N, C-alpha and C. Protein backbone atom coordinates (compact mmCIF):
# COMPACT_ATOMS: atom_id res chain seq x y z
N MET A 1 -15.84 13.46 7.19
CA MET A 1 -16.20 14.08 8.39
C MET A 1 -15.05 14.70 9.11
N ARG A 2 -14.82 15.88 9.29
CA ARG A 2 -13.42 16.17 9.65
C ARG A 2 -13.31 16.82 11.07
N LEU A 3 -12.32 16.73 12.14
CA LEU A 3 -11.61 16.89 13.12
C LEU A 3 -11.19 18.44 12.85
N TYR A 4 -11.46 19.21 13.50
CA TYR A 4 -9.90 20.33 13.74
C TYR A 4 -9.86 20.35 15.24
N ALA A 5 -8.61 20.61 15.64
CA ALA A 5 -8.28 20.89 16.79
C ALA A 5 -7.16 21.84 16.85
N VAL A 6 -7.01 22.05 17.97
CA VAL A 6 -5.38 22.93 18.51
C VAL A 6 -5.64 22.70 20.23
N PHE A 7 -4.38 22.46 19.71
CA PHE A 7 -4.12 21.87 21.02
C PHE A 7 -2.85 22.82 22.28
N ALA A 8 -3.07 23.06 23.23
CA ALA A 8 -2.33 24.80 24.03
C ALA A 8 -1.97 23.88 25.77
N GLY A 9 -0.59 24.10 26.20
CA GLY A 9 0.06 24.29 27.17
C GLY A 9 1.42 23.67 26.76
N THR A 10 1.73 22.61 27.08
CA THR A 10 3.42 22.13 26.15
C THR A 10 3.32 21.07 25.70
N VAL A 11 3.75 21.65 24.14
CA VAL A 11 2.65 20.67 24.19
C VAL A 11 3.97 21.22 21.99
N GLN A 12 4.86 22.40 22.54
CA GLN A 12 5.55 22.39 20.87
C GLN A 12 7.33 21.62 22.02
N GLY A 13 7.97 20.47 21.22
CA GLY A 13 9.02 20.40 21.82
C GLY A 13 9.29 19.00 22.59
N VAL A 14 8.14 17.95 22.65
CA VAL A 14 7.97 17.22 23.39
C VAL A 14 6.90 16.11 22.45
N GLY A 15 7.41 15.61 21.20
CA GLY A 15 7.07 14.39 20.35
C GLY A 15 5.51 15.00 20.04
N PHE A 16 4.65 15.92 20.80
CA PHE A 16 3.44 15.75 19.96
C PHE A 16 3.51 15.35 18.64
N ARG A 17 3.71 15.99 17.80
CA ARG A 17 3.45 15.93 16.28
C ARG A 17 3.79 14.59 15.73
N TYR A 18 4.55 13.65 16.75
CA TYR A 18 5.34 12.88 16.10
C TYR A 18 4.30 11.48 16.72
N PHE A 19 3.83 11.52 17.94
CA PHE A 19 2.65 11.33 18.45
C PHE A 19 1.30 11.04 17.78
N VAL A 20 1.37 12.32 17.51
CA VAL A 20 -0.37 12.64 16.76
C VAL A 20 -0.12 11.79 15.30
N ARG A 21 0.78 11.92 14.59
CA ARG A 21 0.66 11.18 13.43
C ARG A 21 1.06 9.42 13.68
N ASN A 22 1.62 8.98 14.99
CA ASN A 22 1.20 7.70 14.49
C ASN A 22 -0.28 7.06 15.42
N LYS A 23 -0.50 7.80 15.93
CA LYS A 23 -1.89 7.37 16.55
C LYS A 23 -2.99 8.17 15.32
N ALA A 24 -2.55 8.49 14.30
CA ALA A 24 -3.20 9.48 12.89
C ALA A 24 -3.28 7.96 11.85
N LYS A 25 -2.41 7.09 12.25
CA LYS A 25 -1.50 5.82 11.33
C LYS A 25 -2.44 4.45 12.04
N GLU A 26 -2.51 4.56 12.98
CA GLU A 26 -2.80 3.67 13.62
C GLU A 26 -4.56 3.71 14.02
N PHE A 27 -5.46 4.71 13.95
CA PHE A 27 -6.85 4.63 13.46
C PHE A 27 -7.71 4.99 11.91
N GLY A 28 -6.16 5.20 10.84
CA GLY A 28 -6.46 5.09 9.55
C GLY A 28 -7.05 6.37 9.64
N VAL A 29 -6.35 7.71 10.77
CA VAL A 29 -7.62 8.86 9.59
C VAL A 29 -6.14 9.20 8.49
N LYS A 30 -6.12 10.39 8.38
CA LYS A 30 -6.30 11.47 6.94
C LYS A 30 -6.16 12.89 7.46
N GLY A 31 -5.24 13.67 7.27
CA GLY A 31 -4.78 15.70 7.34
C GLY A 31 -3.20 15.47 7.64
N TYR A 32 -3.36 16.29 8.78
CA TYR A 32 -1.88 16.59 9.29
C TYR A 32 -2.04 17.06 10.58
N VAL A 33 -0.58 17.58 11.21
CA VAL A 33 -0.64 18.37 12.38
C VAL A 33 0.62 19.00 11.80
N ARG A 34 0.91 20.30 12.78
CA ARG A 34 1.55 21.32 12.67
C ARG A 34 1.62 21.96 13.81
N ASN A 35 3.01 22.64 14.08
CA ASN A 35 3.07 23.72 15.20
C ASN A 35 2.69 25.10 14.66
N LEU A 36 2.17 25.45 15.31
CA LEU A 36 2.03 27.49 15.29
C LEU A 36 2.27 28.19 15.85
N PRO A 37 2.93 29.27 15.01
CA PRO A 37 3.34 30.19 15.51
C PRO A 37 3.45 30.46 17.47
N ASP A 38 2.08 30.56 17.84
CA ASP A 38 1.50 31.03 19.07
C ASP A 38 2.38 30.13 20.27
N GLY A 39 3.10 28.98 19.84
CA GLY A 39 3.07 27.88 20.51
C GLY A 39 2.42 26.28 20.77
N THR A 40 1.03 26.50 20.26
CA THR A 40 0.11 25.46 20.07
C THR A 40 0.21 25.03 18.60
N VAL A 41 -0.45 23.31 18.91
CA VAL A 41 -0.44 22.62 18.22
C VAL A 41 -2.15 21.83 17.38
N GLU A 42 -1.85 22.32 15.82
CA GLU A 42 -3.16 21.56 15.44
C GLU A 42 -3.41 21.06 14.81
N VAL A 43 -3.81 19.94 14.51
CA VAL A 43 -4.55 18.88 14.07
C VAL A 43 -5.55 18.93 13.28
N VAL A 44 -5.78 18.63 11.87
CA VAL A 44 -6.69 17.98 11.20
C VAL A 44 -6.98 16.29 10.35
N ALA A 45 -8.15 16.11 11.03
CA ALA A 45 -8.17 14.48 10.81
C ALA A 45 -9.62 14.31 10.27
N GLU A 46 -9.33 13.85 9.10
CA GLU A 46 -10.30 13.22 8.49
C GLU A 46 -11.26 11.55 8.41
N GLY A 47 -11.87 11.29 8.85
CA GLY A 47 -12.45 9.90 8.74
C GLY A 47 -13.59 9.56 8.96
N ASP A 48 -14.22 8.46 9.21
CA ASP A 48 -15.90 9.15 10.05
C ASP A 48 -15.88 9.20 11.32
N GLU A 49 -17.26 9.53 11.68
CA GLU A 49 -17.25 10.17 13.00
C GLU A 49 -17.02 9.12 14.12
N LYS A 50 -16.90 8.16 14.10
CA LYS A 50 -16.63 6.97 15.40
C LYS A 50 -15.42 6.71 15.36
N THR A 51 -14.69 6.83 13.76
CA THR A 51 -12.81 6.48 14.15
C THR A 51 -12.79 8.08 15.23
N LEU A 52 -13.22 9.21 13.95
CA LEU A 52 -12.15 10.22 14.63
C LEU A 52 -12.48 10.68 16.32
N TRP A 53 -13.55 10.15 16.38
CA TRP A 53 -14.06 10.46 18.02
C TRP A 53 -13.10 9.41 19.06
N GLU A 54 -12.88 8.38 18.34
CA GLU A 54 -11.79 7.04 18.66
C GLU A 54 -10.01 8.09 19.38
N PHE A 55 -10.01 8.69 17.98
CA PHE A 55 -8.34 9.10 16.99
C PHE A 55 -8.50 10.69 18.67
N PHE A 56 -9.14 11.46 18.36
CA PHE A 56 -9.21 11.86 19.49
C PHE A 56 -8.84 12.12 20.94
N ARG A 57 -9.65 10.73 21.40
CA ARG A 57 -10.60 10.39 22.76
C ARG A 57 -8.53 9.62 22.96
N ALA A 58 -7.80 9.67 21.53
CA ALA A 58 -6.64 8.84 22.28
C ALA A 58 -5.56 9.93 21.99
N ILE A 59 -5.65 10.67 21.66
CA ILE A 59 -4.34 12.23 21.41
C ILE A 59 -4.95 13.31 22.40
N GLU A 60 -5.77 13.42 23.11
CA GLU A 60 -5.89 14.52 23.28
C GLU A 60 -5.30 14.45 24.88
N ASN A 61 -4.18 14.11 25.84
CA ASN A 61 -3.23 14.56 26.42
C ASN A 61 -1.96 14.11 26.13
N GLY A 62 -1.82 13.91 24.70
CA GLY A 62 -0.54 13.85 24.28
C GLY A 62 0.28 12.96 24.97
N PRO A 63 1.77 13.33 24.66
CA PRO A 63 2.34 12.07 24.70
C PRO A 63 2.99 12.17 26.04
N PRO A 64 3.92 11.23 26.73
CA PRO A 64 3.91 11.58 28.14
C PRO A 64 4.83 12.73 28.67
N LEU A 65 5.79 13.21 27.88
CA LEU A 65 5.86 15.04 28.25
C LEU A 65 5.36 16.15 27.78
N ALA A 66 4.44 16.51 27.15
CA ALA A 66 3.26 17.29 26.75
C ALA A 66 2.28 17.42 28.19
N GLU A 67 1.83 18.74 28.42
CA GLU A 67 0.99 19.25 29.07
C GLU A 67 0.33 19.61 28.75
N VAL A 68 -1.41 18.66 27.95
CA VAL A 68 -2.56 20.10 27.61
C VAL A 68 -2.76 20.60 28.16
N THR A 69 -3.26 22.24 28.35
CA THR A 69 -4.22 22.85 29.31
C THR A 69 -4.88 23.20 28.78
N ASP A 70 -5.40 23.24 27.18
CA ASP A 70 -6.47 23.54 27.04
C ASP A 70 -6.91 22.74 25.34
N ILE A 71 -7.63 22.62 25.12
CA ILE A 71 -7.85 21.79 23.39
C ILE A 71 -9.56 22.72 23.10
N ARG A 72 -8.81 23.23 22.08
CA ARG A 72 -10.22 23.67 21.27
C ARG A 72 -10.33 23.07 19.97
N TYR A 73 -12.16 22.19 19.35
CA TYR A 73 -12.03 21.77 18.77
C TYR A 73 -13.31 21.45 18.31
N GLN A 74 -13.15 21.38 16.95
CA GLN A 74 -14.90 21.22 16.33
C GLN A 74 -14.82 19.86 15.25
N PHE A 75 -15.66 19.72 14.92
CA PHE A 75 -15.88 18.85 14.49
C PHE A 75 -16.88 19.00 12.60
N GLU A 76 -17.04 18.44 11.89
CA GLU A 76 -17.16 19.52 10.42
C GLU A 76 -17.58 18.30 9.38
N GLU A 77 -18.92 18.56 9.46
CA GLU A 77 -19.39 17.62 7.97
C GLU A 77 -18.75 18.45 6.46
N LYS A 78 -16.97 17.85 6.41
CA LYS A 78 -16.50 18.45 5.07
C LYS A 78 -15.01 17.17 4.63
N ASP A 79 -14.69 17.29 3.55
CA ASP A 79 -13.76 16.03 3.38
C ASP A 79 -12.92 17.00 2.60
N GLY A 80 -11.31 17.15 2.92
CA GLY A 80 -10.51 17.98 2.30
C GLY A 80 -9.38 17.15 1.21
N GLY A 81 -9.86 15.71 0.76
CA GLY A 81 -9.24 14.71 0.32
C GLY A 81 -7.81 14.55 0.90
N PHE A 82 -7.59 13.99 1.76
CA PHE A 82 -6.32 14.00 1.76
C PHE A 82 -6.17 12.62 1.37
N THR A 83 -4.65 12.26 1.94
CA THR A 83 -4.57 10.81 1.13
C THR A 83 -3.76 9.71 1.89
N ASP A 84 -3.20 10.91 3.23
CA ASP A 84 -1.96 10.79 3.90
C ASP A 84 -2.25 11.14 5.23
N PHE A 85 -1.88 10.82 6.06
CA PHE A 85 -1.21 11.90 7.84
C PHE A 85 -0.06 12.54 7.78
N GLU A 86 0.23 14.01 7.48
CA GLU A 86 1.14 14.46 7.31
C GLU A 86 1.80 14.94 8.70
N ILE A 87 3.10 15.26 8.89
CA ILE A 87 3.23 16.48 9.80
C ILE A 87 4.11 17.15 8.45
N LEU A 88 3.11 18.72 8.96
CA LEU A 88 3.77 19.89 7.88
C LEU A 88 4.86 20.99 9.40
N TYR A 89 5.82 21.38 8.49
CA TYR A 89 6.33 21.88 9.03
C TYR A 89 6.48 23.58 8.41
C-alpha cells in the first residue's frame, strides 16, 4: 500500500525531511520525501496499511519547528518497489 501526502505551512527549512526520514526508518516504510517548489513537502511511503497509518500519525505535525497548516493525503493500492526511504533533492 502507498501513502501519498503533501504538507503545507512552515515545512521547509525546519528539518521536516530529516524528521520524516527518521520516522520512516523507525516504522520500516520505504519511499521518499522531498521539498516542492511551491514551499510544500511531498511524502511517498509504502508499507502495510496499519504501519502507514501509524507512520502518518507520527509525522502529521512535523518536527518541533514546523507548523503544518494543511495536509493533502491519500492511500493507494500501489507498490513502487522502493528499497529504502530517501530524501530527494
